[in-house]
C-alpha atoms as a PDB file:
ATOM      1  CA  MET A   1     -29.861  -5.364  25.958  1.00  0.00           C
ATOM      2  CA  SER A   2     -28.715  -8.599  27.693  1.00  0.00           C
ATOM      3  CA  GLY A   3     -25.460 -10.359  26.765  1.00  0.00           C
ATOM      4  CA  PRO A   4     -27.107 -12.966  24.478  1.00  0.00           C
ATOM      5  CA  ASP A   5     -29.343 -10.326  22.870  1.00  0.00           C
ATOM      6  CA  GLN A   6     -26.174  -8.197  22.283  1.00  0.00           C
ATOM      7  CA  LYS A   7     -24.417 -11.201  20.636  1.00  0.00           C
ATOM      8  CA  MET A   8     -27.547 -12.113  18.479  1.00  0.00           C
ATOM      9  CA  GLU A   9     -27.759  -8.501  17.366  1.00  0.00           C
ATOM     10  CA  MET A  10     -23.936  -8.433  16.349  1.00  0.00           C
ATOM     11  CA  LEU A  11     -24.360 -11.681  14.509  1.00  0.00           C
ATOM     12  CA  ARG A  12     -27.517 -10.257  12.833  1.00  0.00           C
ATOM     13  CA  GLU A  13     -25.522  -7.267  11.559  1.00  0.00           C
ATOM     14  CA  ARG A  14     -22.710  -9.447  10.521  1.00  0.00           C
ATOM     15  CA  PHE A  15     -25.154 -11.409   8.247  1.00  0.00           C
ATOM     16  CA  HIS A  16     -26.424  -8.153   6.642  1.00  0.00           C
ATOM     17  CA  ARG A  17     -22.950  -7.110   5.657  1.00  0.00           C
ATOM     18  CA  ARG A  18     -22.317 -10.556   4.401  1.00  0.00           C
ATOM     19  CA  ALA A  19     -25.483 -10.438   2.313  1.00  0.00           C
ATOM     20  CA  VAL A  20     -24.370  -7.276   0.697  1.00  0.00           C
ATOM     21  CA  SER A  21     -21.078  -8.733  -0.124  1.00  0.00           C
ATOM     22  CA  ASP A  22     -22.374 -12.082  -1.290  1.00  0.00           C
ATOM     23  CA  ARG A  23     -24.871 -10.294  -3.559  1.00  0.00           C
ATOM     24  CA  ALA A  24     -22.042  -8.327  -5.333  1.00  0.00           C
ATOM     25  CA  GLU A  25     -20.160 -11.730  -5.732  1.00  0.00           C
ATOM     26  CA  ILE A  26     -23.039 -13.671  -7.177  1.00  0.00           C
ATOM     27  CA  ILE A  27     -23.601 -10.841  -9.748  1.00  0.00           C
ATOM     28  CA  VAL A  28     -20.053 -11.127 -10.734  1.00  0.00           C
ATOM     29  CA  ALA A  29     -20.065 -14.994 -10.658  1.00  0.00           C
ATOM     30  CA  LEU A  30     -23.115 -15.110 -12.898  1.00  0.00           C
ATOM     31  CA  ARG A  31     -21.592 -12.827 -15.383  1.00  0.00           C
ATOM     32  CA  GLN A  32     -18.461 -15.053 -15.574  1.00  0.00           C
ATOM     33  CA  GLY A  33     -20.234 -18.279 -15.463  1.00  0.00           C
ATOM     34  CA  ASP A  34     -18.423 -19.114 -12.199  1.00  0.00           C
ATOM     35  CA  PHE A  35     -20.638 -21.990 -11.022  1.00  0.00           C
ATOM     36  CA  ALA A  36     -18.120 -23.414  -8.342  1.00  0.00           C
ATOM     37  CA  GLN A  37     -18.349 -19.853  -6.721  1.00  0.00           C
ATOM     38  CA  LEU A  38     -22.067 -19.522  -7.094  1.00  0.00           C
ATOM     39  CA  LEU A  39     -22.464 -23.013  -5.551  1.00  0.00           C
ATOM     40  CA  ARG A  40     -20.234 -21.950  -2.568  1.00  0.00           C
ATOM     41  CA  LEU A  41     -22.197 -18.561  -2.204  1.00  0.00           C
ATOM     42  CA  ALA A  42     -25.491 -20.270  -2.379  1.00  0.00           C
ATOM     43  CA  HIS A  43     -24.842 -23.038  -0.107  1.00  0.00           C
ATOM     44  CA  GLY A  44     -23.606 -20.718   2.612  1.00  0.00           C
ATOM     45  CA  LEU A  45     -26.543 -18.508   2.190  1.00  0.00           C
ATOM     46  CA  ALA A  46     -29.129 -21.336   2.390  1.00  0.00           C
ATOM     47  CA  GLY A  47     -28.117 -22.269   5.796  1.00  0.00           C
ATOM     48  CA  ILE A  48     -27.483 -19.074   7.359  1.00  0.00           C
ATOM     49  CA  ALA A  49     -30.339 -16.932   6.066  1.00  0.00           C
ATOM     50  CA  ALA A  50     -33.210 -18.833   7.706  1.00  0.00           C
ATOM     51  CA  ILE A  51     -31.440 -18.504  11.060  1.00  0.00           C
ATOM     52  CA  PHE A  52     -31.995 -14.763  10.993  1.00  0.00           C
ATOM     53  CA  GLY A  53     -35.587 -15.055   9.636  1.00  0.00           C
ATOM     54  CA  TYR A  54     -34.716 -14.546   6.021  1.00  0.00           C
ATOM     55  CA  GLN A  55     -36.747 -17.562   4.692  1.00  0.00           C
ATOM     56  CA  GLU A  56     -36.930 -16.102   1.147  1.00  0.00           C
ATOM     57  CA  VAL A  57     -33.060 -15.861   0.814  1.00  0.00           C
ATOM     58  CA  SER A  58     -32.736 -19.311   2.217  1.00  0.00           C
ATOM     59  CA  VAL A  59     -35.262 -20.709  -0.349  1.00  0.00           C
ATOM     60  CA  ARG A  60     -33.836 -18.883  -3.240  1.00  0.00           C
ATOM     61  CA  ALA A  61     -30.300 -19.774  -2.328  1.00  0.00           C
ATOM     62  CA  SER A  62     -31.339 -23.539  -2.085  1.00  0.00           C
ATOM     63  CA  ALA A  63     -32.929 -23.394  -5.462  1.00  0.00           C
ATOM     64  CA  LEU A  64     -29.771 -21.890  -7.135  1.00  0.00           C
ATOM     65  CA  GLU A  65     -27.640 -24.678  -5.294  1.00  0.00           C
ATOM     66  CA  ASP A  66     -29.953 -27.364  -6.482  1.00  0.00           C
ATOM     67  CA  GLY A  67     -29.866 -25.851 -10.076  1.00  0.00           C
ATOM     68  CA  ILE A  68     -26.194 -25.886 -10.168  1.00  0.00           C
ATOM     69  CA  GLU A  69     -26.077 -29.335  -8.811  1.00  0.00           C
ATOM     70  CA  ARG A  70     -28.611 -30.637 -11.516  1.00  0.00           C
ATOM     71  CA  GLU A  71     -26.520 -28.710 -14.093  1.00  0.00           C
ATOM     72  CA  LEU A  72     -29.411 -26.515 -15.486  1.00  0.00           C
ATOM     73  CA  ASP A  73     -28.756 -24.358 -18.495  1.00  0.00           C
ATOM     74  CA  ASP A  74     -27.240 -20.987 -18.060  1.00  0.00           C
ATOM     75  CA  THR A  75     -30.478 -19.090 -18.727  1.00  0.00           C
ATOM     76  CA  ALA A  76     -32.239 -21.175 -15.903  1.00  0.00           C
ATOM     77  CA  LEU A  77     -29.324 -20.483 -13.566  1.00  0.00           C
ATOM     78  CA  ALA A  78     -29.277 -16.734 -14.262  1.00  0.00           C
ATOM     79  CA  ASP A  79     -33.123 -16.592 -13.287  1.00  0.00           C
ATOM     80  CA  LEU A  80     -32.392 -18.483 -10.167  1.00  0.00           C
ATOM     81  CA  GLY A  81     -29.446 -16.140  -9.297  1.00  0.00           C
ATOM     82  CA  GLY A  82     -31.490 -13.094 -10.337  1.00  0.00           C
ATOM     83  CA  ALA A  83     -34.259 -14.492  -7.920  1.00  0.00           C
ATOM     84  CA  LEU A  84     -31.592 -14.734  -5.220  1.00  0.00           C
ATOM     85  CA  ILE A  85     -30.248 -11.412  -5.903  1.00  0.00           C
ATOM     86  CA  VAL A  86     -33.741  -9.800  -5.381  1.00  0.00           C
ATOM     87  CA  ALA A  87     -34.415 -11.589  -2.076  1.00  0.00           C
ATOM     88  CA  LEU A  88     -30.912 -10.346  -0.908  1.00  0.00           C
ATOM     89  CA  ASP A  89     -32.002  -6.799  -1.629  1.00  0.00           C
ATOM     90  CA  GLU A  90     -34.401  -7.238   1.127  1.00  0.00           C
ATOM     91  CA  VAL A  91     -31.611  -7.836   3.504  1.00  0.00           C
ATOM     92  CA  GLY A  92     -28.818  -5.434   2.419  1.00  0.00           C
ATOM     93  CA  GLY A  93     -31.525  -2.529   2.511  1.00  0.00           C
ATOM     94  CA  SER A  94     -33.230  -3.600   5.522  1.00  0.00           C
ATOM     95  CA  SER A  95     -33.176  -2.911   9.280  1.00  0.00           C
ATOM     96  CA  CYS A  96     -32.822  -5.784  11.503  1.00  0.00           C
ATOM     97  CA  ASP A  97     -36.438  -6.043  12.438  1.00  0.00           C
ATOM     98  CA  ARG A  98     -37.594  -6.118   8.795  1.00  0.00           C
ATOM     99  CA  ARG A  99     -37.322  -9.710   7.299  1.00  0.00           C
ATOM    100  CA  THR A 100     -39.018 -11.289   4.336  1.00  0.00           C
END
């Protein structure tokens, strides 16, 4: 594996670890109604997920971010957060070459 490929693989693995961590934090933030934390997490995931081929995570994170900014009700935000959690399940349990 070449230097750039190794670097990309290292970054991909770091993203996978982050996805697992962010998933857990999203669950806690949803339970606590911590919309500032949800917004921070969703914003970060929306940008980085697509870079590694996880388009569904990016789309779901963007939808949650938008929902928070539009001040949707708690039920709608819980649904959006749940959809993001499901998308993140694909990342956390996947190998590097299995993407949504």
